[in-house]
Amino acid sequence: MLAGHPACPHVRKAASPVLPRGRTTPVRDLSEGEMEELEDCLDAVQRPFPRLRRSTPLMQAVQCAEGLWDSDG
């Protein structure tokens, strides 16, 4: 997991899974490559936007986006 990753510091480690309401299983962890793909996608400003190879849990995508926006100033 990439907790503390420069652009996504709020993404949690697997050791402390967060379960959204109604969910009985933890959200899966993203690999380093998946996190970089997500950052590239969120950071893109022109078409064609980079595609993700796998779906990304919404909670982790939002946390990563917040981290990117916070680091932009």
N, C-alpha and C. Protein backbone atom coordinates (compact mmCIF):
# COMPACT_ATOMS: atom_id res chain seq x y z
N MET A 1 0.83 -1.18 0.00
CA MET A 1 0.00 0.00 0.00
C MET A 1 0.87 1.24 0.00
N LEU A 2 0.35 2.34 -0.43
CA LEU A 2 1.16 3.52 -0.60
C LEU A 2 0.82 4.63 0.38
N ALA A 3 0.51 4.27 1.60
CA ALA A 3 0.28 5.31 2.59
C ALA A 3 1.55 6.14 2.69
N GLY A 4 1.39 7.42 2.73
CA GLY A 4 2.55 8.29 2.79
C GLY A 4 3.15 8.58 1.42
N HIS A 5 2.58 8.03 0.35
CA HIS A 5 3.05 8.32 -1.00
C HIS A 5 2.93 9.83 -1.19
N PRO A 6 3.91 10.48 -1.80
CA PRO A 6 3.92 11.94 -1.87
C PRO A 6 2.62 12.57 -2.35
N ALA A 7 2.00 12.03 -3.36
CA ALA A 7 0.77 12.64 -3.87
C ALA A 7 -0.47 12.13 -3.17
N CYS A 8 -0.38 10.99 -2.52
CA CYS A 8 -1.55 10.39 -1.90
C CYS A 8 -1.28 10.00 -0.45
N PRO A 9 -0.96 10.96 0.39
CA PRO A 9 -0.58 10.63 1.77
C PRO A 9 -1.73 10.13 2.62
N HIS A 10 -2.98 10.34 2.20
CA HIS A 10 -4.11 9.96 3.02
C HIS A 10 -4.60 8.55 2.76
N VAL A 11 -4.04 7.87 1.76
CA VAL A 11 -4.46 6.50 1.47
C VAL A 11 -3.94 5.62 2.60
N ARG A 12 -4.82 4.80 3.16
CA ARG A 12 -4.49 4.01 4.34
C ARG A 12 -3.77 2.73 4.01
N LYS A 13 -2.97 2.25 4.98
CA LYS A 13 -2.28 0.98 4.86
C LYS A 13 -3.26 -0.17 5.06
N ALA A 14 -2.90 -1.33 4.53
CA ALA A 14 -3.75 -2.50 4.66
C ALA A 14 -3.95 -2.91 6.11
N ALA A 15 -3.01 -2.61 6.98
CA ALA A 15 -3.10 -3.01 8.38
C ALA A 15 -4.26 -2.33 9.10
N SER A 16 -4.74 -1.22 8.57
CA SER A 16 -5.86 -0.53 9.20
C SER A 16 -6.96 -0.26 8.18
N PRO A 17 -7.61 -1.34 7.70
CA PRO A 17 -8.63 -1.15 6.66
C PRO A 17 -9.81 -0.34 7.17
N VAL A 18 -10.36 0.47 6.30
CA VAL A 18 -11.54 1.24 6.62
C VAL A 18 -12.70 0.60 5.87
N LEU A 19 -13.76 0.33 6.59
CA LEU A 19 -14.93 -0.28 5.98
C LEU A 19 -16.04 0.75 5.88
N PRO A 20 -16.39 1.14 4.65
CA PRO A 20 -17.51 2.07 4.48
C PRO A 20 -18.79 1.41 4.98
N ARG A 21 -19.79 2.19 5.28
CA ARG A 21 -21.07 1.66 5.74
C ARG A 21 -21.60 0.62 4.79
N GLY A 22 -22.07 -0.47 5.36
CA GLY A 22 -22.67 -1.52 4.56
C GLY A 22 -21.67 -2.47 3.94
N ARG A 23 -20.40 -2.22 4.10
CA ARG A 23 -19.36 -3.08 3.50
C ARG A 23 -18.82 -4.03 4.54
N THR A 24 -18.64 -5.28 4.16
CA THR A 24 -18.15 -6.27 5.11
C THR A 24 -16.72 -6.69 4.83
N THR A 25 -16.16 -6.27 3.70
CA THR A 25 -14.78 -6.61 3.36
C THR A 25 -14.00 -5.31 3.16
N PRO A 26 -12.71 -5.31 3.52
CA PRO A 26 -11.92 -4.09 3.34
C PRO A 26 -11.70 -3.77 1.86
N VAL A 27 -11.46 -2.50 1.59
CA VAL A 27 -11.14 -2.05 0.24
C VAL A 27 -9.77 -2.60 -0.13
N ARG A 28 -9.61 -3.07 -1.35
CA ARG A 28 -8.32 -3.65 -1.75
C ARG A 28 -7.24 -2.58 -1.83
N ASP A 29 -6.01 -3.00 -1.61
CA ASP A 29 -4.87 -2.10 -1.70
C ASP A 29 -4.47 -1.89 -3.15
N LEU A 30 -3.92 -0.72 -3.45
CA LEU A 30 -3.42 -0.42 -4.78
C LEU A 30 -1.92 -0.68 -4.82
N SER A 31 -1.46 -1.24 -5.93
CA SER A 31 -0.02 -1.43 -6.11
C SER A 31 0.62 -0.09 -6.47
N GLU A 32 1.94 -0.06 -6.43
CA GLU A 32 2.68 1.15 -6.82
C GLU A 32 2.29 1.57 -8.24
N GLY A 33 2.23 0.61 -9.16
CA GLY A 33 1.87 0.91 -10.54
C GLY A 33 0.45 1.45 -10.67
N GLU A 34 -0.49 0.85 -9.93
CA GLU A 34 -1.87 1.33 -9.98
C GLU A 34 -1.97 2.75 -9.42
N MET A 35 -1.22 3.02 -8.36
CA MET A 35 -1.24 4.36 -7.78
C MET A 35 -0.68 5.38 -8.77
N GLU A 36 0.39 5.03 -9.46
CA GLU A 36 0.96 5.95 -10.45
C GLU A 36 -0.01 6.18 -11.61
N GLU A 37 -0.69 5.12 -12.06
CA GLU A 37 -1.69 5.27 -13.13
C GLU A 37 -2.82 6.19 -12.69
N LEU A 38 -3.27 6.01 -11.44
CA LEU A 38 -4.34 6.84 -10.91
C LEU A 38 -3.90 8.30 -10.84
N GLU A 39 -2.69 8.54 -10.36
CA GLU A 39 -2.17 9.92 -10.30
C GLU A 39 -2.10 10.53 -11.69
N ASP A 40 -1.61 9.77 -12.67
CA ASP A 40 -1.51 10.28 -14.04
C ASP A 40 -2.89 10.63 -14.58
N CYS A 41 -3.86 9.77 -14.30
CA CYS A 41 -5.22 10.00 -14.77
C CYS A 41 -5.82 11.24 -14.12
N LEU A 42 -5.67 11.36 -12.82
CA LEU A 42 -6.23 12.51 -12.10
C LEU A 42 -5.53 13.81 -12.46
N ASP A 43 -4.27 13.73 -12.82
CA ASP A 43 -3.47 14.91 -13.12
C ASP A 43 -3.59 15.35 -14.58
N ALA A 44 -4.17 14.52 -15.43
CA ALA A 44 -4.27 14.82 -16.86
C ALA A 44 -5.24 15.98 -17.11
N VAL A 45 -4.87 16.83 -18.07
CA VAL A 45 -5.71 17.98 -18.41
C VAL A 45 -6.14 17.98 -19.88
N GLN A 46 -5.62 17.02 -20.65
CA GLN A 46 -5.96 16.95 -22.08
C GLN A 46 -6.37 15.55 -22.47
N ARG A 47 -7.22 15.48 -23.46
CA ARG A 47 -7.59 14.18 -24.04
C ARG A 47 -6.48 13.72 -24.95
N PRO A 48 -6.26 12.48 -25.12
CA PRO A 48 -6.96 11.37 -24.47
C PRO A 48 -6.43 11.19 -23.05
N PHE A 49 -7.35 11.02 -22.10
CA PHE A 49 -6.97 10.82 -20.71
C PHE A 49 -6.42 9.41 -20.53
N PRO A 50 -5.42 9.25 -19.69
CA PRO A 50 -4.87 7.90 -19.45
C PRO A 50 -5.95 6.98 -18.91
N ARG A 51 -5.90 5.73 -19.33
CA ARG A 51 -6.87 4.74 -18.87
C ARG A 51 -6.27 3.93 -17.73
N LEU A 52 -7.11 3.55 -16.80
CA LEU A 52 -6.69 2.67 -15.72
C LEU A 52 -6.85 1.23 -16.18
N ARG A 53 -5.90 0.37 -15.83
CA ARG A 53 -5.98 -1.04 -16.22
C ARG A 53 -7.02 -1.80 -15.41
N ARG A 54 -7.25 -1.35 -14.17
CA ARG A 54 -8.24 -1.98 -13.29
C ARG A 54 -9.11 -0.90 -12.68
N SER A 55 -10.28 -1.31 -12.23
CA SER A 55 -11.11 -0.34 -11.52
C SER A 55 -10.43 0.00 -10.20
N THR A 56 -10.70 1.18 -9.71
CA THR A 56 -10.10 1.66 -8.47
C THR A 56 -11.22 1.95 -7.48
N PRO A 57 -11.08 1.49 -6.23
CA PRO A 57 -12.10 1.81 -5.24
C PRO A 57 -12.27 3.32 -5.12
N LEU A 58 -13.51 3.77 -5.14
CA LEU A 58 -13.79 5.20 -5.12
C LEU A 58 -13.15 5.90 -3.93
N MET A 59 -13.20 5.28 -2.76
CA MET A 59 -12.62 5.90 -1.57
C MET A 59 -11.14 6.20 -1.78
N GLN A 60 -10.40 5.27 -2.38
CA GLN A 60 -8.98 5.49 -2.60
C GLN A 60 -8.74 6.53 -3.69
N ALA A 61 -9.58 6.55 -4.72
CA ALA A 61 -9.43 7.56 -5.77
C ALA A 61 -9.65 8.96 -5.20
N VAL A 62 -10.66 9.11 -4.35
CA VAL A 62 -10.95 10.41 -3.75
C VAL A 62 -9.81 10.84 -2.83
N GLN A 63 -9.29 9.92 -2.02
CA GLN A 63 -8.18 10.26 -1.13
C GLN A 63 -6.95 10.68 -1.92
N CYS A 64 -6.69 10.01 -3.02
CA CYS A 64 -5.54 10.36 -3.86
C CYS A 64 -5.76 11.73 -4.50
N ALA A 65 -6.97 11.98 -5.00
CA ALA A 65 -7.27 13.28 -5.61
C ALA A 65 -7.10 14.40 -4.60
N GLU A 66 -7.58 14.19 -3.37
CA GLU A 66 -7.41 15.21 -2.33
C GLU A 66 -5.93 15.47 -2.06
N GLY A 67 -5.13 14.41 -2.03
CA GLY A 67 -3.70 14.57 -1.81
C GLY A 67 -3.03 15.35 -2.94
N LEU A 68 -3.43 15.06 -4.18
CA LEU A 68 -2.87 15.79 -5.32
C LEU A 68 -3.26 17.26 -5.26
N TRP A 69 -4.52 17.54 -4.95
CA TRP A 69 -4.98 18.92 -4.91
C TRP A 69 -4.32 19.67 -3.76
N ASP A 70 -4.13 19.01 -2.62
CA ASP A 70 -3.46 19.66 -1.50
C ASP A 70 -2.01 19.99 -1.84
N SER A 71 -1.34 19.10 -2.58
CA SER A 71 0.06 19.33 -2.93
C SER A 71 0.22 20.41 -4.00
N ASP A 72 -0.86 20.67 -4.77
CA ASP A 72 -0.81 21.72 -5.80
C ASP A 72 -0.95 23.12 -5.21
N GLY A 73 -1.34 23.20 -3.99
CA GLY A 73 -1.33 24.49 -3.37
C GLY A 73 -2.60 25.00 -2.88
